[in-house]
Amino acid sequence: MFYDLNLPYPTQPNLAQQQTELRKRVDLLIKFGYQVVAYNHTVTGKLDKANPIHKFETYNNSPDSPSGQQQKIEQLSRITVVIEDASQNYGLSSANSIISSYDIVAAQPTNEKIFQNVCGTLEVDIVSLEMGSRLPFYIKHGPVGLAIERGVYFEICYAPAIRDSASRRQLISNAQSLVRVTRGKNIIITSEAQRAMELRGPYDIVNLGTIMGMNQAMAKDCISTNCRAVVMHAITRRNTHRAVVSFEPVSSLKPNELWKVGSDKKNTGKTDFKGKSTVKRVRLSKDDEEEEEEENEVEISQDMELS
C-alpha cells in the first residue's frame, strides 16, 4: 500500500484551473498505484485570522480501472506549520481546534533551536525539512534520537529535485546526511508535487532512495510502512491525552465489553452527564435467583466467621 502524504492543496481552491490541476495529480497517483494521499496546507507563522485555513474538499471523480470497477483513493488532510520564532506559541497541540481538525500535523523548523524544540517537545507527526536548499543547521544525533523515540518521522520531498538541477544536488546531499544520522529509521518520502509532471511512480522513488544511501527495502518502507506509521501516530495523538489515556463513550462498547464500566450479565450500567451511575436491575430467571441466594449465604457465613 503506497502513500503520498504531501500533495499541496490549491491556495485558491475556487479557481477552476487549480482544481483541474489537482484532479490531474490525483488521477496520476491512482494510475501509479497509490492508495492514500494527504492534501497539504502550509502556514507560515501563528495560526490566527491572518492565516485563513481553507476547507478541504475530497476529490470523488476517480477514473475507472480497465476492469470497469471504480478505483478509490483514501484522502487525508495535513497542515504544515513553518516555525520561524521559538518564542511564539504556535498552538501545536491537540487542544487547538484548528490543529485537531487535520488528520496529520507537520512542522518545518527554520533554525537549530526550533529544530531541537520540534524534535523534543512539540506534538507533531512529521518534521519537514527544506531539503532542496542548504540547511541553516547541521542534523545532529541528539534531537533526531529524541524524535525517533517519540515516534516522529522526518520527511524528504523529491519534487524539488525534478524542478531544478541545483536543488537536486542539494537534496541528495541533505538526504544522505539525514539517512546517515537516522540510520534509515523514521523517514518518509513524499512528492510535494505542484504539477502532475513532477510525480513519479513508487518504484522510481525506491531507486531514488538507493541514491540517498538506503537499500531497496528501506526505500520501499519510506512510501508504505513508515507512512502508515505516521497515520497511526496521528490517530493516537488526536484520540488520546499525551498518547497515554484514551476516552470512549459507553455507547460504543460492545455487550462483552461492559465489564469496563463495572457491568456484567446481570447488570446493565449507564452513566449520566453528571457521572452518576444509573444501573438498572435485570429480571433474573429462577435458576439465577437460586444461584444468587446461595452466593449471598456463603458471603454471610464468611462474614460471621471473620467477626
C-alpha atoms as a PDB file:
ATOM      1  CA  MET A   1       0.000   0.000   0.000  1.00  0.00           C
ATOM      2  CA  PHE A   2       1.687   3.181  -1.214  1.00  0.00           C
ATOM      3  CA  TYR A   3       1.229   6.646   0.296  1.00  0.00           C
ATOM      4  CA  ASP A   4       1.891  10.219  -0.794  1.00  0.00           C
ATOM      5  CA  LEU A   5       1.463  12.333   2.332  1.00  0.00           C
ATOM      6  CA  ASN A   6       2.305  15.696   0.768  1.00  0.00           C
ATOM      7  CA  LEU A   7       0.192  16.864  -2.162  1.00  0.00           C
ATOM      8  CA  PRO A   8      -0.053  20.692  -1.995  1.00  0.00           C
ATOM      9  CA  TYR A   9      -3.649  21.866  -1.832  1.00  0.00           C
ATOM     10  CA  PRO A  10      -4.603  24.832  -4.083  1.00  0.00           C
ATOM     11  CA  THR A  11      -4.096  28.224  -2.475  1.00  0.00           C
ATOM     12  CA  GLN A  12      -7.277  29.389  -4.239  1.00  0.00           C
ATOM     13  CA  PRO A  13      -9.467  26.266  -4.371  1.00  0.00           C
ATOM     14  CA  ASN A  14     -12.333  28.154  -6.015  1.00  0.00           C
ATOM     15  CA  LEU A  15     -10.363  28.640  -9.246  1.00  0.00           C
ATOM     16  CA  ALA A  16     -11.252  26.063 -11.890  1.00  0.00           C
ATOM     17  CA  GLN A  17      -7.681  25.914 -13.198  1.00  0.00           C
ATOM     18  CA  GLN A  18      -6.249  24.922  -9.825  1.00  0.00           C
ATOM     19  CA  GLN A  19      -8.975  22.360  -9.263  1.00  0.00           C
ATOM     20  CA  THR A  20      -8.249  20.849 -12.691  1.00  0.00           C
ATOM     21  CA  GLU A  21      -4.550  20.587 -11.860  1.00  0.00           C
ATOM     22  CA  LEU A  22      -5.399  18.887  -8.572  1.00  0.00           C
ATOM     23  CA  ARG A  23      -7.569  16.331 -10.394  1.00  0.00           C
ATOM     24  CA  LYS A  24      -4.713  15.584 -12.789  1.00  0.00           C
ATOM     25  CA  ARG A  25      -2.335  14.901  -9.916  1.00  0.00           C
ATOM     26  CA  VAL A  26      -4.818  12.651  -8.096  1.00  0.00           C
ATOM     27  CA  ASP A  27      -5.611  10.758 -11.312  1.00  0.00           C
ATOM     28  CA  LEU A  28      -1.922  10.163 -11.951  1.00  0.00           C
ATOM     29  CA  LEU A  29      -1.330   8.949  -8.401  1.00  0.00           C
ATOM     30  CA  ILE A  30      -4.143   6.434  -8.835  1.00  0.00           C
ATOM     31  CA  LYS A  31      -2.624   5.197 -12.098  1.00  0.00           C
ATOM     32  CA  PHE A  32       0.759   4.841 -10.388  1.00  0.00           C
ATOM     33  CA  GLY A  33      -0.834   2.597  -7.773  1.00  0.00           C
ATOM     34  CA  TYR A  34      -1.053   4.878  -4.729  1.00  0.00           C
ATOM     35  CA  GLN A  35      -3.868   4.116  -2.274  1.00  0.00           C
ATOM     36  CA  VAL A  36      -3.557   7.067   0.158  1.00  0.00           C
ATOM     37  CA  VAL A  37      -2.922  10.774  -0.429  1.00  0.00           C
ATOM     38  CA  ALA A  38      -2.733  13.684   2.018  1.00  0.00           C
ATOM     39  CA  TYR A  39      -3.623  17.211   0.890  1.00  0.00           C
ATOM     40  CA  ASN A  40      -1.151  19.613   2.473  1.00  0.00           C
ATOM     41  CA  HIS A  41      -1.872  23.173   3.581  1.00  0.00           C
ATOM     42  CA  THR A  42       1.242  25.186   4.521  1.00  0.00           C
ATOM     43  CA  VAL A  43       1.002  28.013   7.061  1.00  0.00           C
ATOM     44  CA  THR A  44       3.818  30.427   7.927  1.00  0.00           C
ATOM     45  CA  GLY A  45       3.644  31.874  11.412  1.00  0.00           C
ATOM     46  CA  LYS A  46       0.945  31.626  14.052  1.00  0.00           C
ATOM     47  CA  LEU A  47      -2.462  30.122  13.400  1.00  0.00           C
ATOM     48  CA  ASP A  48      -4.763  33.133  13.560  1.00  0.00           C
ATOM     49  CA  LYS A  49      -7.026  35.241  11.354  1.00  0.00           C
ATOM     50  CA  ALA A  50      -4.041  36.379   9.318  1.00  0.00           C
ATOM     51  CA  ASN A  51      -3.608  32.785   8.138  1.00  0.00           C
ATOM     52  CA  PRO A  52      -7.013  31.624   6.903  1.00  0.00           C
ATOM     53  CA  ILE A  53      -7.478  27.874   6.750  1.00  0.00           C
ATOM     54  CA  HIS A  54      -9.028  26.620   3.525  1.00  0.00           C
ATOM     55  CA  LYS A  55     -11.641  23.927   3.860  1.00  0.00           C
ATOM     56  CA  PHE A  56     -10.533  20.700   2.215  1.00  0.00           C
ATOM     57  CA  GLU A  57     -12.819  19.091  -0.327  1.00  0.00           C
ATOM     58  CA  THR A  58     -12.213  15.477  -1.275  1.00  0.00           C
ATOM     59  CA  TYR A  59     -11.992  14.529  -4.927  1.00  0.00           C
ATOM     60  CA  ASN A  60     -14.665  11.954  -5.762  1.00  0.00           C
ATOM     61  CA  ASN A  61     -14.459  11.704  -9.543  1.00  0.00           C
ATOM     62  CA  SER A  62     -11.818   8.982  -9.653  1.00  0.00           C
ATOM     63  CA  PRO A  63     -11.177   7.344 -13.032  1.00  0.00           C
ATOM     64  CA  ASP A  64     -12.399   3.833 -13.827  1.00  0.00           C
ATOM     65  CA  SER A  65      -9.987   0.956 -13.940  1.00  0.00           C
ATOM     66  CA  PRO A  66      -9.685  -1.229 -17.086  1.00  0.00           C
ATOM     67  CA  SER A  67     -11.763  -3.905 -15.366  1.00  0.00           C
ATOM     68  CA  GLY A  68     -14.675  -1.489 -15.102  1.00  0.00           C
ATOM     69  CA  GLN A  69     -14.560  -1.107 -11.323  1.00  0.00           C
ATOM     70  CA  GLN A  70     -14.182   2.366  -9.935  1.00  0.00           C
ATOM     71  CA  GLN A  71     -10.843   2.979  -8.278  1.00  0.00           C
ATOM     72  CA  LYS A  72     -10.777   4.852  -4.992  1.00  0.00           C
ATOM     73  CA  ILE A  73      -8.016   6.594  -3.095  1.00  0.00           C
ATOM     74  CA  GLU A  74      -8.123   7.470   0.584  1.00  0.00           C
ATOM     75  CA  GLN A  75      -7.797  11.227   1.070  1.00  0.00           C
ATOM     76  CA  LEU A  76      -6.397  12.798   4.246  1.00  0.00           C
ATOM     77  CA  SER A  77      -5.811  16.385   5.332  1.00  0.00           C
ATOM     78  CA  ARG A  78      -2.482  17.738   6.525  1.00  0.00           C
ATOM     79  CA  ILE A  79      -1.199  21.051   7.857  1.00  0.00           C
ATOM     80  CA  THR A  80       2.461  22.105   7.808  1.00  0.00           C
ATOM     81  CA  VAL A  81       3.409  24.990  10.107  1.00  0.00           C
ATOM     82  CA  VAL A  82       6.612  26.857   9.217  1.00  0.00           C
ATOM     83  CA  ILE A  83       8.095  27.924  12.586  1.00  0.00           C
ATOM     84  CA  GLU A  84      10.313  30.994  12.438  1.00  0.00           C
ATOM     85  CA  ASP A  85      10.395  32.162  16.073  1.00  0.00           C
ATOM     86  CA  ALA A  86      10.792  29.799  19.008  1.00  0.00           C
ATOM     87  CA  SER A  87       9.357  32.359  21.437  1.00  0.00           C
ATOM     88  CA  GLN A  88       5.934  32.374  19.774  1.00  0.00           C
ATOM     89  CA  ASN A  89       3.171  29.974  20.743  1.00  0.00           C
ATOM     90  CA  TYR A  90       2.085  28.212  17.573  1.00  0.00           C
ATOM     91  CA  GLY A  91      -0.625  26.195  19.283  1.00  0.00           C
ATOM     92  CA  LEU A  92       0.681  22.828  18.087  1.00  0.00           C
ATOM     93  CA  SER A  93      -1.336  20.703  20.481  1.00  0.00           C
ATOM     94  CA  SER A  94      -4.443  18.547  20.334  1.00  0.00           C
ATOM     95  CA  ALA A  95      -6.293  21.161  22.404  1.00  0.00           C
ATOM     96  CA  ASN A  96      -6.166  23.562  19.443  1.00  0.00           C
ATOM     97  CA  SER A  97      -9.373  23.134  17.428  1.00  0.00           C
ATOM     98  CA  ILE A  98      -7.610  24.111  14.191  1.00  0.00           C
ATOM     99  CA  ILE A  99      -4.869  21.529  14.671  1.00  0.00           C
ATOM    100  CA  SER A 100      -7.275  18.783  15.740  1.00  0.00           C
ATOM    101  CA  SER A 101      -9.315  19.291  12.552  1.00  0.00           C
ATOM    102  CA  TYR A 102      -6.421  17.944  10.439  1.00  0.00           C
ATOM    103  CA  ASP A 103      -5.504  14.289  10.088  1.00  0.00           C
ATOM    104  CA  ILE A 104      -1.722  14.918  10.051  1.00  0.00           C
ATOM    105  CA  VAL A 105       0.331  17.723  11.607  1.00  0.00           C
ATOM    106  CA  ALA A 106       3.831  18.641  10.399  1.00  0.00           C
ATOM    107  CA  ALA A 107       6.284  21.320  11.490  1.00  0.00           C
ATOM    108  CA  GLN A 108       9.046  22.892   9.428  1.00  0.00           C
ATOM    109  CA  PRO A 109      11.814  24.411  11.603  1.00  0.00           C
ATOM    110  CA  THR A 110      13.976  27.231  10.245  1.00  0.00           C
ATOM    111  CA  ASN A 111      16.897  27.148  12.712  1.00  0.00           C
ATOM    112  CA  GLU A 112      18.659  24.733  15.045  1.00  0.00           C
ATOM    113  CA  LYS A 113      16.938  25.858  18.261  1.00  0.00           C
ATOM    114  CA  ILE A 114      13.492  25.365  16.733  1.00  0.00           C
ATOM    115  CA  PHE A 115      14.607  22.032  15.269  1.00  0.00           C
ATOM    116  CA  GLN A 116      15.537  20.790  18.754  1.00  0.00           C
ATOM    117  CA  ASN A 117      12.214  22.041  20.139  1.00  0.00           C
ATOM    118  CA  VAL A 118      10.191  20.340  17.413  1.00  0.00           C
ATOM    119  CA  CYS A 119      12.032  17.032  17.837  1.00  0.00           C
ATOM    120  CA  GLY A 120      11.816  17.050  21.618  1.00  0.00           C
ATOM    121  CA  THR A 121       8.512  18.567  22.746  1.00  0.00           C
ATOM    122  CA  LEU A 122       6.000  19.645  20.095  1.00  0.00           C
ATOM    123  CA  GLU A 123       3.000  17.399  19.363  1.00  0.00           C
ATOM    124  CA  VAL A 124       3.598  16.773  15.664  1.00  0.00           C
ATOM    125  CA  ASP A 125       3.694  13.735  13.408  1.00  0.00           C
ATOM    126  CA  ILE A 126       6.253  14.883  10.816  1.00  0.00           C
ATOM    127  CA  VAL A 127       9.372  17.053  10.844  1.00  0.00           C
ATOM    128  CA  SER A 128       9.609  18.582   7.382  1.00  0.00           C
ATOM    129  CA  LEU A 129      12.960  19.969   6.218  1.00  0.00           C
ATOM    130  CA  GLU A 130      13.664  22.138   3.172  1.00  0.00           C
ATOM    131  CA  MET A 131      15.900  19.555   1.521  1.00  0.00           C
ATOM    132  CA  GLY A 132      16.132  21.358  -1.825  1.00  0.00           C
ATOM    133  CA  SER A 133      18.281  24.149  -0.354  1.00  0.00           C
ATOM    134  CA  ARG A 134      21.197  24.432   2.027  1.00  0.00           C
ATOM    135  CA  LEU A 135      20.037  23.715   5.590  1.00  0.00           C
ATOM    136  CA  PRO A 136      20.791  26.515   8.102  1.00  0.00           C
ATOM    137  CA  PHE A 137      21.915  23.937  10.710  1.00  0.00           C
ATOM    138  CA  TYR A 138      23.515  20.518  10.980  1.00  0.00           C
ATOM    139  CA  ILE A 139      21.369  17.463  11.595  1.00  0.00           C
ATOM    140  CA  LYS A 140      22.656  16.030  14.880  1.00  0.00           C
ATOM    141  CA  HIS A 141      22.086  12.697  16.602  1.00  0.00           C
ATOM    142  CA  GLY A 142      20.676  14.156  19.836  1.00  0.00           C
ATOM    143  CA  PRO A 143      17.434  15.793  18.656  1.00  0.00           C
ATOM    144  CA  VAL A 144      16.962  13.180  15.944  1.00  0.00           C
ATOM    145  CA  GLY A 145      17.131  10.422  18.555  1.00  0.00           C
ATOM    146  CA  LEU A 146      14.501  12.175  20.688  1.00  0.00           C
ATOM    147  CA  ALA A 147      12.167  12.428  17.696  1.00  0.00           C
ATOM    148  CA  ILE A 148      12.597   8.742  16.855  1.00  0.00           C
ATOM    149  CA  GLU A 149      11.824   7.749  20.460  1.00  0.00           C
ATOM    150  CA  ARG A 150       8.614   9.828  20.312  1.00  0.00           C
ATOM    151  CA  GLY A 151       7.516   8.216  17.044  1.00  0.00           C
ATOM    152  CA  VAL A 152       8.009  11.369  14.933  1.00  0.00           C
ATOM    153  CA  TYR A 153       9.088  10.937  11.306  1.00  0.00           C
ATOM    154  CA  PHE A 154      11.332  13.001   9.030  1.00  0.00           C
ATOM    155  CA  GLU A 155      10.202  13.958   5.533  1.00  0.00           C
ATOM    156  CA  ILE A 156      12.098  14.046   2.246  1.00  0.00           C
ATOM    157  CA  CYS A 157      10.239  15.689  -0.679  1.00  0.00           C
ATOM    158  CA  TYR A 158      11.541  14.665  -4.112  1.00  0.00           C
ATOM    159  CA  ALA A 159       9.751  17.199  -6.363  1.00  0.00           C
ATOM    160  CA  PRO A 160      12.383  19.968  -5.864  1.00  0.00           C
ATOM    161  CA  ALA A 161      14.951  17.598  -7.382  1.00  0.00           C
ATOM    162  CA  ILE A 162      12.841  17.422 -10.556  1.00  0.00           C
ATOM    163  CA  ARG A 163      12.353  21.184 -10.880  1.00  0.00           C
ATOM    164  CA  ASP A 164      15.995  22.268 -10.712  1.00  0.00           C
ATOM    165  CA  SER A 165      19.406  20.604 -11.092  1.00  0.00           C
ATOM    166  CA  ALA A 166      20.961  22.668  -8.270  1.00  0.00           C
ATOM    167  CA  SER A 167      18.157  21.650  -5.928  1.00  0.00           C
ATOM    168  CA  ARG A 168      18.707  18.046  -6.986  1.00  0.00           C
ATOM    169  CA  ARG A 169      22.330  18.050  -5.855  1.00  0.00           C
ATOM    170  CA  GLN A 170      21.459  19.755  -2.577  1.00  0.00           C
ATOM    171  CA  LEU A 171      18.532  17.412  -1.889  1.00  0.00           C
ATOM    172  CA  ILE A 172      20.639  14.283  -2.396  1.00  0.00           C
ATOM    173  CA  SER A 173      23.372  15.683  -0.127  1.00  0.00           C
ATOM    174  CA  ASN A 174      20.924  16.630   2.650  1.00  0.00           C
ATOM    175  CA  ALA A 175      19.063  13.328   2.334  1.00  0.00           C
ATOM    176  CA  GLN A 176      22.294  11.361   2.647  1.00  0.00           C
ATOM    177  CA  SER A 177      23.103  13.272   5.862  1.00  0.00           C
ATOM    178  CA  LEU A 178      19.631  12.521   7.263  1.00  0.00           C
ATOM    179  CA  VAL A 179      19.880   8.823   6.373  1.00  0.00           C
ATOM    180  CA  ARG A 180      23.312   8.617   7.986  1.00  0.00           C
ATOM    181  CA  VAL A 181      22.125  10.223  11.258  1.00  0.00           C
ATOM    182  CA  THR A 182      18.854   8.269  11.478  1.00  0.00           C
ATOM    183  CA  ARG A 183      20.389   5.050  10.079  1.00  0.00           C
ATOM    184  CA  GLY A 184      17.436   4.871   7.732  1.00  0.00           C
ATOM    185  CA  LYS A 185      14.812   4.887  10.517  1.00  0.00           C
ATOM    186  CA  ASN A 186      11.690   7.068  10.709  1.00  0.00           C
ATOM    187  CA  ILE A 187      11.964   8.555   7.235  1.00  0.00           C
ATOM    188  CA  ILE A 188       9.144   9.089   4.737  1.00  0.00           C
ATOM    189  CA  ILE A 189       9.452  10.196   1.111  1.00  0.00           C
ATOM    190  CA  THR A 190       6.694  12.401  -0.323  1.00  0.00           C
ATOM    191  CA  SER A 191       6.231  14.303  -3.565  1.00  0.00           C
ATOM    192  CA  GLU A 192       5.273  17.926  -2.765  1.00  0.00           C
ATOM    193  CA  ALA A 193       4.385  17.994  -6.458  1.00  0.00           C
ATOM    194  CA  GLN A 194       2.786  21.202  -7.682  1.00  0.00           C
ATOM    195  CA  ARG A 195       2.171  19.768 -11.155  1.00  0.00           C
ATOM    196  CA  ALA A 196       1.331  16.318 -12.444  1.00  0.00           C
ATOM    197  CA  MET A 197       4.606  16.049 -14.397  1.00  0.00           C
ATOM    198  CA  GLU A 198       6.544  16.213 -11.108  1.00  0.00           C
ATOM    199  CA  LEU A 199       5.013  12.963  -9.800  1.00  0.00           C
ATOM    200  CA  ARG A 200       6.857   9.649 -10.015  1.00  0.00           C
ATOM    201  CA  GLY A 201       5.855   6.032  -9.537  1.00  0.00           C
ATOM    202  CA  PRO A 202       6.613   4.084  -6.340  1.00  0.00           C
ATOM    203  CA  TYR A 203       9.492   2.083  -7.785  1.00  0.00           C
ATOM    204  CA  ASP A 204      11.123   5.181  -9.256  1.00  0.00           C
ATOM    205  CA  ILE A 205      11.127   6.546  -5.697  1.00  0.00           C
ATOM    206  CA  VAL A 206      12.683   3.305  -4.443  1.00  0.00           C
ATOM    207  CA  ASN A 207      15.529   3.802  -6.936  1.00  0.00           C
ATOM    208  CA  LEU A 208      15.896   7.402  -5.743  1.00  0.00           C
ATOM    209  CA  GLY A 209      16.110   6.148  -2.174  1.00  0.00           C
ATOM    210  CA  THR A 210      19.082   3.937  -3.053  1.00  0.00           C
ATOM    211  CA  ILE A 211      20.904   7.055  -4.296  1.00  0.00           C
ATOM    212  CA  MET A 212      20.233   8.661  -0.901  1.00  0.00           C
ATOM    213  CA  GLY A 213      22.012   5.823   0.890  1.00  0.00           C
ATOM    214  CA  MET A 214      19.176   3.379   1.626  1.00  0.00           C
ATOM    215  CA  ASN A 215      18.743  -0.178   0.481  1.00  0.00           C
ATOM    216  CA  GLN A 216      15.639  -1.084  -1.524  1.00  0.00           C
ATOM    217  CA  ALA A 217      13.736  -2.419   1.479  1.00  0.00           C
ATOM    218  CA  MET A 218      14.297   0.806   3.457  1.00  0.00           C
ATOM    219  CA  ALA A 219      13.332   2.951   0.470  1.00  0.00           C
ATOM    220  CA  LYS A 220      10.112   0.996  -0.052  1.00  0.00           C
ATOM    221  CA  ASP A 221       9.213   1.380   3.631  1.00  0.00           C
ATOM    222  CA  CYS A 222       9.549   5.165   3.206  1.00  0.00           C
ATOM    223  CA  ILE A 223       6.460   5.218   0.961  1.00  0.00           C
ATOM    224  CA  SER A 224       4.497   2.392   2.576  1.00  0.00           C
ATOM    225  CA  THR A 225       5.102   1.065   6.109  1.00  0.00           C
ATOM    226  CA  ASN A 226       6.581   4.276   7.537  1.00  0.00           C
ATOM    227  CA  CYS A 227       3.771   6.384   6.086  1.00  0.00           C
ATOM    228  CA  ARG A 228       1.213   4.085   7.648  1.00  0.00           C
ATOM    229  CA  ALA A 229       3.001   4.528  10.980  1.00  0.00           C
ATOM    230  CA  VAL A 230       2.667   8.314  10.577  1.00  0.00           C
ATOM    231  CA  VAL A 231      -1.093   7.993  10.047  1.00  0.00           C
ATOM    232  CA  MET A 232      -1.440   5.715  13.091  1.00  0.00           C
ATOM    233  CA  HIS A 233       0.670   8.094  15.184  1.00  0.00           C
ATOM    234  CA  ALA A 234      -1.641  10.945  14.154  1.00  0.00           C
ATOM    235  CA  ILE A 235      -4.729   8.949  15.145  1.00  0.00           C
ATOM    236  CA  THR A 236      -3.194   8.164  18.542  1.00  0.00           C
ATOM    237  CA  ARG A 237      -2.235  11.800  19.081  1.00  0.00           C
ATOM    238  CA  ARG A 238      -5.778  13.014  18.370  1.00  0.00           C
ATOM    239  CA  ASN A 239      -7.652  10.353  20.349  1.00  0.00           C
ATOM    240  CA  THR A 240      -5.523  10.170  23.489  1.00  0.00           C
ATOM    241  CA  HIS A 241      -4.119  12.531  26.100  1.00  0.00           C
ATOM    242  CA  ARG A 242      -0.343  12.628  25.598  1.00  0.00           C
ATOM    243  CA  ALA A 243      -0.632   9.196  23.937  1.00  0.00           C
ATOM    244  CA  VAL A 244      -1.342   7.623  27.361  1.00  0.00           C
ATOM    245  CA  VAL A 245      -5.066   7.812  28.190  1.00  0.00           C
ATOM    246  CA  SER A 246      -7.933   7.463  25.731  1.00  0.00           C
ATOM    247  CA  PHE A 247     -11.650   8.029  26.295  1.00  0.00           C
ATOM    248  CA  GLU A 248     -14.529   6.150  24.674  1.00  0.00           C
ATOM    249  CA  PRO A 249     -18.270   6.745  25.102  1.00  0.00           C
ATOM    250  CA  VAL A 250     -20.148   3.974  26.917  1.00  0.00           C
ATOM    251  CA  SER A 251     -22.494   3.665  23.930  1.00  0.00           C
ATOM    252  CA  SER A 252     -19.565   2.496  21.767  1.00  0.00           C
ATOM    253  CA  LEU A 253     -18.893  -0.550  23.958  1.00  0.00           C
ATOM    254  CA  LYS A 254     -19.996  -3.999  22.859  1.00  0.00           C
ATOM    255  CA  PRO A 255     -22.006  -6.257  25.229  1.00  0.00           C
ATOM    256  CA  ASN A 256     -18.901  -8.312  26.031  1.00  0.00           C
ATOM    257  CA  GLU A 257     -17.004  -5.104  26.923  1.00  0.00           C
ATOM    258  CA  LEU A 258     -19.431  -3.802  29.565  1.00  0.00           C
ATOM    259  CA  TRP A 259     -17.088  -5.069  32.281  1.00  0.00           C
ATOM    260  CA  LYS A 260     -15.011  -1.914  31.588  1.00  0.00           C
ATOM    261  CA  VAL A 261     -17.709   0.177  33.274  1.00  0.00           C
ATOM    262  CA  GLY A 262     -18.372  -2.331  36.078  1.00  0.00           C
ATOM    263  CA  SER A 263     -21.300  -4.133  34.408  1.00  0.00           C
ATOM    264  CA  ASP A 264     -21.865  -7.859  33.982  1.00  0.00           C
ATOM    265  CA  LYS A 265     -24.529 -10.102  32.541  1.00  0.00           C
ATOM    266  CA  LYS A 266     -26.887  -9.321  35.436  1.00  0.00           C
ATOM    267  CA  ASN A 267     -26.448  -5.545  35.382  1.00  0.00           C
ATOM    268  CA  THR A 268     -26.502  -3.091  32.543  1.00  0.00           C
ATOM    269  CA  GLY A 269     -24.831   0.171  33.540  1.00  0.00           C
ATOM    270  CA  LYS A 270     -25.102   3.615  32.060  1.00  0.00           C
ATOM    271  CA  THR A 271     -23.695   6.920  33.239  1.00  0.00           C
ATOM    272  CA  ASP A 272     -25.493  10.219  33.021  1.00  0.00           C
ATOM    273  CA  PHE A 273     -23.840  13.542  32.161  1.00  0.00           C
ATOM    274  CA  LYS A 274     -23.013  14.202  35.843  1.00  0.00           C
ATOM    275  CA  GLY A 275     -21.106  10.931  36.125  1.00  0.00           C
ATOM    276  CA  LYS A 276     -23.753   9.246  38.328  1.00  0.00           C
ATOM    277  CA  SER A 277     -24.444   5.585  37.764  1.00  0.00           C
ATOM    278  CA  THR A 278     -27.931   4.689  36.566  1.00  0.00           C
ATOM    279  CA  VAL A 279     -27.689   0.905  36.853  1.00  0.00           C
ATOM    280  CA  LYS A 280     -30.900  -0.953  36.116  1.00  0.00           C
ATOM    281  CA  ARG A 281     -31.637  -4.362  37.590  1.00  0.00           C
ATOM    282  CA  VAL A 282     -32.361  -7.074  35.051  1.00  0.00           C
ATOM    283  CA  ARG A 283     -35.061  -9.616  35.950  1.00  0.00           C
ATOM    284  CA  LEU A 284     -33.410 -12.905  36.794  1.00  0.00           C
ATOM    285  CA  SER A 285     -34.640 -16.365  35.933  1.00  0.00           C
ATOM    286  CA  LYS A 286     -35.470 -18.883  38.671  1.00  0.00           C
ATOM    287  CA  ASP A 287     -32.118 -20.650  38.369  1.00  0.00           C
ATOM    288  CA  ASP A 288     -30.241 -17.354  38.578  1.00  0.00           C
ATOM    289  CA  GLU A 289     -32.211 -16.354  41.698  1.00  0.00           C
ATOM    290  CA  GLU A 290     -31.335 -19.622  43.432  1.00  0.00           C
ATOM    291  CA  GLU A 291     -27.688 -19.176  42.413  1.00  0.00           C
ATOM    292  CA  GLU A 292     -27.641 -15.662  43.803  1.00  0.00           C
ATOM    293  CA  GLU A 293     -29.219 -16.773  47.108  1.00  0.00           C
ATOM    294  CA  GLU A 294     -26.503 -19.404  47.532  1.00  0.00           C
ATOM    295  CA  GLU A 295     -23.796 -16.803  46.889  1.00  0.00           C
ATOM    296  CA  ASN A 296     -25.363 -14.478  49.494  1.00  0.00           C
ATOM    297  CA  GLU A 297     -25.488 -17.294  52.099  1.00  0.00           C
ATOM    298  CA  VAL A 298     -21.795 -18.060  51.518  1.00  0.00           C
ATOM    299  CA  GLU A 299     -20.885 -14.374  51.924  1.00  0.00           C
ATOM    300  CA  ILE A 300     -22.925 -14.135  55.181  1.00  0.00           C
ATOM    301  CA  SER A 301     -21.261 -17.226  56.642  1.00  0.00           C
ATOM    302  CA  GLN A 302     -17.798 -15.877  55.765  1.00  0.00           C
ATOM    303  CA  ASP A 303     -18.609 -12.550  57.455  1.00  0.00           C
ATOM    304  CA  MET A 304     -19.780 -14.365  60.618  1.00  0.00           C
ATOM    305  CA  GLU A 305     -16.558 -16.394  60.776  1.00  0.00           C
ATOM    306  CA  LEU A 306     -14.439 -13.242  60.436  1.00  0.00           C
ATOM    307  CA  SER A 307     -16.363 -11.494  63.199  1.00  0.00           C
END
